[in-house]
C-alpha atoms as a PDB file:
ATOM      1  CA  MET A   1      -0.125  -0.064  -0.051  1.00  0.00           C
ATOM      2  CA  PHE A   2       0.985   3.581  -0.758  1.00  0.00           C
ATOM      3  CA  VAL A   3      -1.240   6.379  -1.279  1.00  0.00           C
ATOM      4  CA  GLY A   4      -3.847   4.796   0.863  1.00  0.00           C
ATOM      5  CA  HIS A   5      -1.654   5.416   3.832  1.00  0.00           C
ATOM      6  CA  TYR A   6      -2.316   9.093   3.493  1.00  0.00           C
ATOM      7  CA  THR A   7      -6.067   8.550   4.008  1.00  0.00           C
ATOM      8  CA  PHE A   8      -5.924   9.345   7.705  1.00  0.00           C
ATOM      9  CA  SER A   9      -3.830  12.501   7.240  1.00  0.00           C
ATOM     10  CA  TRP A  10      -6.673  14.402   5.777  1.00  0.00           C
ATOM     11  CA  LEU A  11      -9.258  13.159   8.376  1.00  0.00           C
ATOM     12  CA  ALA A  12      -6.890  14.025  11.142  1.00  0.00           C
ATOM     13  CA  LYS A  13      -6.262  17.529   9.708  1.00  0.00           C
ATOM     14  CA  VAL A  14     -10.067  18.365   9.823  1.00  0.00           C
ATOM     15  CA  TRP A  15     -10.270  16.791  13.437  1.00  0.00           C
ATOM     16  CA  ALA A  16      -7.149  18.497  14.706  1.00  0.00           C
ATOM     17  CA  PRO A  17      -6.393  21.478  12.536  1.00  0.00           C
ATOM     18  CA  GLU A  18      -3.435  22.602  14.806  1.00  0.00           C
ATOM     19  CA  ILE A  19      -1.367  19.752  13.835  1.00  0.00           C
ATOM     20  CA  PRO A  20       0.756  20.748  10.809  1.00  0.00           C
ATOM     21  CA  ILE A  21      -0.004  18.615   7.788  1.00  0.00           C
ATOM     22  CA  TRP A  22       3.590  17.777   7.323  1.00  0.00           C
ATOM     23  CA  VAL A  23       3.571  15.997  10.743  1.00  0.00           C
ATOM     24  CA  LEU A  24       0.415  13.881   9.630  1.00  0.00           C
ATOM     25  CA  LEU A  25       1.816  13.168   6.172  1.00  0.00           C
ATOM     26  CA  ILE A  26       5.129  11.823   7.383  1.00  0.00           C
ATOM     27  CA  ALA A  27       3.314   9.999  10.495  1.00  0.00           C
ATOM     28  CA  VAL A  28       1.242   7.821   8.286  1.00  0.00           C
ATOM     29  CA  GLN A  29       4.354   6.901   6.362  1.00  0.00           C
ATOM     30  CA  LEU A  30       6.648   6.759   9.286  1.00  0.00           C
ATOM     31  CA  VAL A  31       6.670   2.920   9.449  1.00  0.00           C
ATOM     32  CA  ASP A  32       7.799   2.633   5.787  1.00  0.00           C
ATOM     33  CA  ILE A  33      10.354   5.466   6.098  1.00  0.00           C
ATOM     34  CA  ALA A  34      12.070   3.630   8.989  1.00  0.00           C
ATOM     35  CA  TRP A  35      11.661   0.386   6.969  1.00  0.00           C
ATOM     36  CA  VAL A  36      13.498   1.871   3.872  1.00  0.00           C
ATOM     37  CA  THR A  37      16.135   3.326   6.170  1.00  0.00           C
ATOM     38  CA  PHE A  38      16.642   0.012   7.756  1.00  0.00           C
ATOM     39  CA  LEU A  39      16.788  -1.711   4.363  1.00  0.00           C
ATOM     40  CA  PHE A  40      19.864   0.709   3.611  1.00  0.00           C
ATOM     41  CA  LEU A  41      21.327  -0.310   6.952  1.00  0.00           C
ATOM     42  CA  HIS A  42      20.720  -4.059   6.236  1.00  0.00           C
ATOM     43  CA  ILE A  43      18.825  -4.303   9.520  1.00  0.00           C
ATOM     44  CA  GLU A  44      15.716  -5.561   7.788  1.00  0.00           C
ATOM     45  CA  GLU A  45      15.402  -7.482   4.414  1.00  0.00           C
ATOM     46  CA  VAL A  46      13.151  -7.444   1.327  1.00  0.00           C
ATOM     47  CA  ARG A  47      13.497  -9.035  -1.937  1.00  0.00           C
ATOM     48  CA  LEU A  48      12.000  -8.564  -5.462  1.00  0.00           C
ATOM     49  CA  GLU A  49      10.446 -11.743  -6.676  1.00  0.00           C
ATOM     50  CA  PRO A  50       8.173 -11.105  -9.719  1.00  0.00           C
ATOM     51  CA  GLY A  51       5.029 -13.145  -9.530  1.00  0.00           C
ATOM     52  CA  ILE A  52       5.128 -13.698  -5.760  1.00  0.00           C
ATOM     53  CA  THR A  53       1.843 -11.869  -5.663  1.00  0.00           C
ATOM     54  CA  ARG A  54      -0.272 -10.647  -8.631  1.00  0.00           C
ATOM     55  CA  THR A  55       0.112  -6.930  -7.697  1.00  0.00           C
ATOM     56  CA  SER A  56       3.480  -6.720  -6.010  1.00  0.00           C
ATOM     57  CA  SER A  57       6.740  -8.344  -6.334  1.00  0.00           C
ATOM     58  CA  LEU A  58       7.911  -7.500  -2.695  1.00  0.00           C
ATOM     59  CA  ASN A  59       8.946 -10.581  -0.703  1.00  0.00           C
ATOM     60  CA  LEU A  60       8.863  -9.131   2.771  1.00  0.00           C
ATOM     61  CA  ILE A  61      11.379 -11.457   4.387  1.00  0.00           C
ATOM     62  CA  TYR A  62      12.563  -9.855   7.662  1.00  0.00           C
ATOM     63  CA  MET A  63      10.942  -6.555   9.150  1.00  0.00           C
ATOM     64  CA  PRO A  64      10.262  -7.100  12.851  1.00  0.00           C
ATOM     65  CA  TYR A  65      11.239  -3.550  13.878  1.00  0.00           C
ATOM     66  CA  THR A  66       8.923  -1.804  11.481  1.00  0.00           C
ATOM     67  CA  HIS A  67       6.048  -3.853  10.434  1.00  0.00           C
ATOM     68  CA  SER A  68       5.131  -6.078  13.360  1.00  0.00           C
ATOM     69  CA  LEU A  69       2.304  -4.890  15.475  1.00  0.00           C
ATOM     70  CA  LEU A  70       4.633  -4.325  18.465  1.00  0.00           C
ATOM     71  CA  GLY A  71       6.966  -2.384  16.144  1.00  0.00           C
ATOM     72  CA  ALA A  72       4.084  -0.182  14.967  1.00  0.00           C
ATOM     73  CA  ILE A  73       2.886   0.450  18.533  1.00  0.00           C
ATOM     74  CA  MET A  74       6.440   1.431  19.504  1.00  0.00           C
ATOM     75  CA  TRP A  75       6.718   4.022  16.554  1.00  0.00           C
ATOM     76  CA  SER A  76       3.403   5.333  17.475  1.00  0.00           C
ATOM     77  CA  VAL A  77       4.239   5.853  21.024  1.00  0.00           C
ATOM     78  CA  LEU A  78       7.469   7.469  20.128  1.00  0.00           C
ATOM     79  CA  GLY A  79       5.666   9.767  17.715  1.00  0.00           C
ATOM     80  CA  GLY A  80       3.157  10.807  20.222  1.00  0.00           C
ATOM     81  CA  ILE A  81       5.746  11.514  22.840  1.00  0.00           C
ATOM     82  CA  TRP A  82       7.740  13.466  20.284  1.00  0.00           C
ATOM     83  CA  TYR A  83       4.632  15.627  19.434  1.00  0.00           C
ATOM     84  CA  ARG A  84       3.436  16.107  22.869  1.00  0.00           C
ATOM     85  CA  TYR A  85       6.734  16.976  24.687  1.00  0.00           C
ATOM     86  CA  PHE A  86       9.465  17.961  22.127  1.00  0.00           C
ATOM     87  CA  SER A  87       7.768  19.458  18.929  1.00  0.00           C
ATOM     88  CA  GLY A  88       6.651  22.676  20.283  1.00  0.00           C
ATOM     89  CA  TYR A  89       3.443  22.413  18.436  1.00  0.00           C
ATOM     90  CA  ARG A  90       0.019  22.986  19.878  1.00  0.00           C
ATOM     91  CA  GLY A  91      -2.827  20.485  20.649  1.00  0.00           C
ATOM     92  CA  GLY A  92      -1.731  18.973  23.901  1.00  0.00           C
ATOM     93  CA  ASN A  93      -2.637  15.355  24.621  1.00  0.00           C
ATOM     94  CA  LYS A  94      -5.371  15.031  22.058  1.00  0.00           C
ATOM     95  CA  ALA A  95      -3.053  16.109  19.142  1.00  0.00           C
ATOM     96  CA  ALA A  96      -0.431  13.745  20.481  1.00  0.00           C
ATOM     97  CA  ILE A  97      -2.740  10.874  20.390  1.00  0.00           C
ATOM     98  CA  ILE A  98      -3.900  11.614  16.946  1.00  0.00           C
ATOM     99  CA  VAL A  99      -0.233  11.707  15.711  1.00  0.00           C
ATOM    100  CA  GLY A 100       0.263   8.412  17.394  1.00  0.00           C
ATOM    101  CA  LEU A 101      -2.729   6.905  15.861  1.00  0.00           C
ATOM    102  CA  ALA A 102      -1.740   8.219  12.488  1.00  0.00           C
ATOM    103  CA  ILE A 103       1.530   6.220  12.762  1.00  0.00           C
ATOM    104  CA  LEU A 104      -0.408   3.189  13.927  1.00  0.00           C
ATOM    105  CA  THR A 105      -2.861   3.129  11.075  1.00  0.00           C
ATOM    106  CA  HIS A 106      -0.083   2.051   8.809  1.00  0.00           C
ATOM    107  CA  TRP A 107      -0.014  -1.334  10.273  1.00  0.00           C
ATOM    108  CA  PHE A 108      -3.774  -1.955   9.945  1.00  0.00           C
ATOM    109  CA  GLU A 109      -3.860  -0.533   6.296  1.00  0.00           C
ATOM    110  CA  ASP A 110      -0.879  -2.848   5.456  1.00  0.00           C
ATOM    111  CA  LEU A 111      -2.843  -5.827   6.930  1.00  0.00           C
ATOM    112  CA  VAL A 112      -5.438  -5.457   4.139  1.00  0.00           C
ATOM    113  CA  VAL A 113      -2.793  -5.904   1.174  1.00  0.00           C
ATOM    114  CA  HIS A 114       0.046  -7.990   2.441  1.00  0.00           C
ATOM    115  CA  ARG A 115      -0.065 -11.771   1.591  1.00  0.00           C
ATOM    116  CA  LYS A 116      -0.901 -14.333   4.255  1.00  0.00           C
ATOM    117  CA  GLY A 117       2.589 -15.736   3.873  1.00  0.00           C
ATOM    118  CA  ASP A 118       4.431 -12.585   4.923  1.00  0.00           C
ATOM    119  CA  PRO A 119       6.246 -12.532   8.091  1.00  0.00           C
ATOM    120  CA  LYS A 120       3.818 -10.054   9.644  1.00  0.00           C
ATOM    121  CA  HIS A 121       0.658 -11.589   7.924  1.00  0.00           C
ATOM    122  CA  GLY A 122      -2.072 -10.039   6.000  1.00  0.00           C
ATOM    123  CA  PHE A 123      -5.483 -10.489   4.336  1.00  0.00           C
ATOM    124  CA  GLY A 124      -3.836 -10.849   0.921  1.00  0.00           C
ATOM    125  CA  LEU A 125      -5.397  -8.198  -1.369  1.00  0.00           C
ATOM    126  CA  TRP A 126      -2.066  -8.223  -3.319  1.00  0.00           C
ATOM    127  CA  ASN A 127      -2.961 -11.888  -4.311  1.00  0.00           C
ATOM    128  CA  LEU A 128      -5.728 -10.439  -6.467  1.00  0.00           C
ATOM    129  CA  ALA A 129      -5.539  -8.682  -9.715  1.00  0.00           C
ATOM    130  CA  PRO A 130      -3.805  -5.146  -9.519  1.00  0.00           C
ATOM    131  CA  ALA A 131      -7.189  -3.298 -10.160  1.00  0.00           C
ATOM    132  CA  TYR A 132      -8.469  -4.354  -6.721  1.00  0.00           C
ATOM    133  CA  SER A 133      -5.571  -2.609  -5.020  1.00  0.00           C
ATOM    134  CA  LEU A 134      -5.778   0.333  -7.201  1.00  0.00           C
ATOM    135  CA  ILE A 135      -9.425   0.820  -6.685  1.00  0.00           C
ATOM    136  CA  THR A 136      -9.177   0.334  -2.958  1.00  0.00           C
ATOM    137  CA  GLU A 137      -6.390   2.657  -2.313  1.00  0.00           C
ATOM    138  CA  LEU A 138      -7.595   5.384  -4.711  1.00  0.00           C
ATOM    139  CA  THR A 139     -11.101   5.202  -3.041  1.00  0.00           C
ATOM    140  CA  CYS A 140      -9.657   5.574   0.421  1.00  0.00           C
ATOM    141  CA  ILE A 141      -7.447   8.594  -0.472  1.00  0.00           C
ATOM    142  CA  LEU A 142      -9.803  10.363  -2.805  1.00  0.00           C
ATOM    143  CA  SER A 143     -12.759  10.092  -0.539  1.00  0.00           C
ATOM    144  CA  THR A 144     -10.715  11.545   2.466  1.00  0.00           C
ATOM    145  CA  THR A 145      -9.152  14.176   0.495  1.00  0.00           C
ATOM    146  CA  LEU A 146     -12.497  15.306  -0.768  1.00  0.00           C
ATOM    147  CA  TYR A 147     -13.787  15.299   2.887  1.00  0.00           C
ATOM    148  CA  TYR A 148     -10.829  17.586   3.784  1.00  0.00           C
ATOM    149  CA  LEU A 149     -11.535  19.908   0.915  1.00  0.00           C
ATOM    150  CA  TYR A 150     -15.256  20.113   2.030  1.00  0.00           C
ATOM    151  CA  ASN A 151     -14.333  21.129   5.490  1.00  0.00           C
ATOM    152  CA  THR A 152     -11.720  23.622   4.550  1.00  0.00           C
ATOM    153  CA  ASP A 153     -11.646  26.847   2.549  1.00  0.00           C
ATOM    154  CA  PRO A 154      -8.826  28.904   0.992  1.00  0.00           C
ATOM    155  CA  GLN A 155      -7.963  31.720   3.339  1.00  0.00           C
ATOM    156  CA  PRO A 156      -7.329  35.262   1.701  1.00  0.00           C
ATOM    157  CA  HIS A 157      -4.516  36.055   4.008  1.00  0.00           C
ATOM    158  CA  LYS A 158      -2.700  32.857   3.128  1.00  0.00           C
ATOM    159  CA  ILE A 159      -3.072  33.239  -0.572  1.00  0.00           C
ATOM    160  CA  THR A 160      -0.621  35.994  -1.214  1.00  0.00           C
ATOM    161  CA  GLY A 161       2.077  34.628  -3.361  1.00  0.00           C
ATOM    162  CA  LYS A 162       0.307  31.396  -3.532  1.00  0.00           C
ATOM    163  CA  ARG A 163      -2.496  31.928  -5.951  1.00  0.00           C
ATOM    164  CA  PHE A 164      -1.347  28.977  -8.050  1.00  0.00           C
ATOM    165  CA  TRP A 165      -1.885  26.607  -5.071  1.00  0.00           C
ATOM    166  CA  SER A 166      -5.222  28.066  -4.202  1.00  0.00           C
ATOM    167  CA  ASP A 167      -6.611  27.727  -7.675  1.00  0.00           C
ATOM    168  CA  TRP A 168      -4.982  24.351  -8.618  1.00  0.00           C
ATOM    169  CA  GLY A 169      -3.862  22.657  -5.426  1.00  0.00           C
ATOM    170  CA  PRO A 170      -6.590  20.232  -5.025  1.00  0.00           C
ATOM    171  CA  THR A 171      -6.699  19.271  -8.667  1.00  0.00           C
ATOM    172  CA  ILE A 172      -2.841  18.822  -8.798  1.00  0.00           C
ATOM    173  CA  TYR A 173      -3.128  16.705  -5.626  1.00  0.00           C
ATOM    174  CA  LEU A 174      -5.774  14.445  -6.601  1.00  0.00           C
ATOM    175  CA  VAL A 175      -4.191  13.870  -9.919  1.00  0.00           C
ATOM    176  CA  ASP A 176      -0.825  13.336  -8.310  1.00  0.00           C
ATOM    177  CA  MET A 177      -2.416  10.648  -6.007  1.00  0.00           C
ATOM    178  CA  VAL A 178      -3.927   8.809  -8.986  1.00  0.00           C
ATOM    179  CA  LEU A 179      -0.791   8.838 -10.999  1.00  0.00           C
ATOM    180  CA  THR A 180       1.472   7.826  -8.134  1.00  0.00           C
ATOM    181  CA  GLU A 181      -0.590   4.871  -7.314  1.00  0.00           C
ATOM    182  CA  ALA A 182      -0.844   3.931 -10.900  1.00  0.00           C
ATOM    183  CA  VAL A 183       3.068   3.857 -10.886  1.00  0.00           C
ATOM    184  CA  VAL A 184       3.497   1.964  -7.648  1.00  0.00           C
ATOM    185  CA  THR A 185       0.811  -0.723  -8.559  1.00  0.00           C
ATOM    186  CA  LEU A 186       1.368  -1.179 -12.219  1.00  0.00           C
ATOM    187  CA  ILE A 187       5.155  -0.717 -12.688  1.00  0.00           C
ATOM    188  CA  GLU A 188       7.545  -3.257 -11.207  1.00  0.00           C
ATOM    189  CA  PRO A 189      10.891  -1.725 -10.054  1.00  0.00           C
ATOM    190  CA  PRO A 190      13.785  -3.310 -11.793  1.00  0.00           C
ATOM    191  CA  SER A 191      15.915  -3.767  -8.731  1.00  0.00           C
ATOM    192  CA  GLU A 192      15.643  -3.327  -5.032  1.00  0.00           C
ATOM    193  CA  LEU A 193      17.918  -0.390  -4.957  1.00  0.00           C
ATOM    194  CA  LEU A 194      15.835   1.403  -7.429  1.00  0.00           C
ATOM    195  CA  PHE A 195      12.771   0.488  -5.335  1.00  0.00           C
ATOM    196  CA  ARG A 196      14.264   2.064  -2.287  1.00  0.00           C
ATOM    197  CA  PHE A 197      15.099   5.306  -4.259  1.00  0.00           C
ATOM    198  CA  SER A 198      11.676   5.497  -5.905  1.00  0.00           C
ATOM    199  CA  PHE A 199       9.985   5.215  -2.515  1.00  0.00           C
ATOM    200  CA  ILE A 200      11.998   8.117  -1.376  1.00  0.00           C
ATOM    201  CA  PHE A 201      11.125  10.217  -4.392  1.00  0.00           C
ATOM    202  CA  LEU A 202       7.505   9.300  -4.405  1.00  0.00           C
ATOM    203  CA  THR A 203       7.021   9.988  -0.541  1.00  0.00           C
ATOM    204  CA  ALA A 204       8.786  13.398  -0.725  1.00  0.00           C
ATOM    205  CA  GLN A 205       6.741  14.511  -3.639  1.00  0.00           C
ATOM    206  CA  ALA A 206       3.501  13.491  -2.179  1.00  0.00           C
ATOM    207  CA  VAL A 207       4.347  15.239   1.150  1.00  0.00           C
ATOM    208  CA  TYR A 208       5.420  18.361  -0.767  1.00  0.00           C
ATOM    209  CA  VAL A 209       2.231  18.641  -2.971  1.00  0.00           C
ATOM    210  CA  GLY A 210       0.134  17.933   0.274  1.00  0.00           C
ATOM    211  CA  ILE A 211       1.829  20.660   2.124  1.00  0.00           C
ATOM    212  CA  CYS A 212       1.289  23.204  -0.752  1.00  0.00           C
ATOM    213  CA  MET A 213      -2.291  22.358  -1.081  1.00  0.00           C
ATOM    214  CA  ASP A 214      -2.856  22.749   2.779  1.00  0.00           C
ATOM    215  CA  SER A 215      -0.904  25.890   2.980  1.00  0.00           C
ATOM    216  CA  VAL A 216      -3.534  28.221   1.709  1.00  0.00           C
ATOM    217  CA  ARG A 217      -6.472  26.467   3.398  1.00  0.00           C
ATOM    218  CA  ASP A 218      -8.061  26.450   6.809  1.00  0.00           C
ATOM    219  CA  VAL A 219     -10.747  24.328   8.496  1.00  0.00           C
ATOM    220  CA  LYS A 220     -14.064  25.897   8.257  1.00  0.00           C
ATOM    221  CA  VAL A 221     -15.392  27.672  11.468  1.00  0.00           C
ATOM    222  CA  LYS A 222     -18.757  26.034  12.405  1.00  0.00           C
END
């Protein structure tokens, strides 16, 4: 799963607008960010085996520190503690809990797609045709982004110098999510190293576009 992980970010931004969107966008991908870091450090292991599932060639061999439930809970607790006591951002305990939950959602979303034979188990959506994963993830991210857009408005005091993102931000973000998911689901990386770097690039651009879209918007006052 990739773009589907961003689902909770946009819900949380409406529920707790004091949390910076960059925190939420990184929180939901923190488990995978740590995973790719551990792959570079040879702490965890993955191999590309075309045909291992119908949707993904990832053979998730060893990843106890990031993708086990205990590991995900650990990252969640650390993220909540960081936000509450070290980040300097507003929101107190409520915001810290939401940040922690954002991190934890990653494990439950992966549970849907990972194959049953993976070290940390799953329901096996990847065993079905790629269209199932594509539709599932796009339905999740597009619906929650639209929920965010419905509950926010562009703010005149934020638009100065950012008219482009005020006018085109939502369209660019939605198109970006569709294209990113299509790339992730339909194009197999030729090597594990290229997979790692493509993850870094796709994550960075998704976070950047999300930040730009949110930078001119505020949650509606009810």
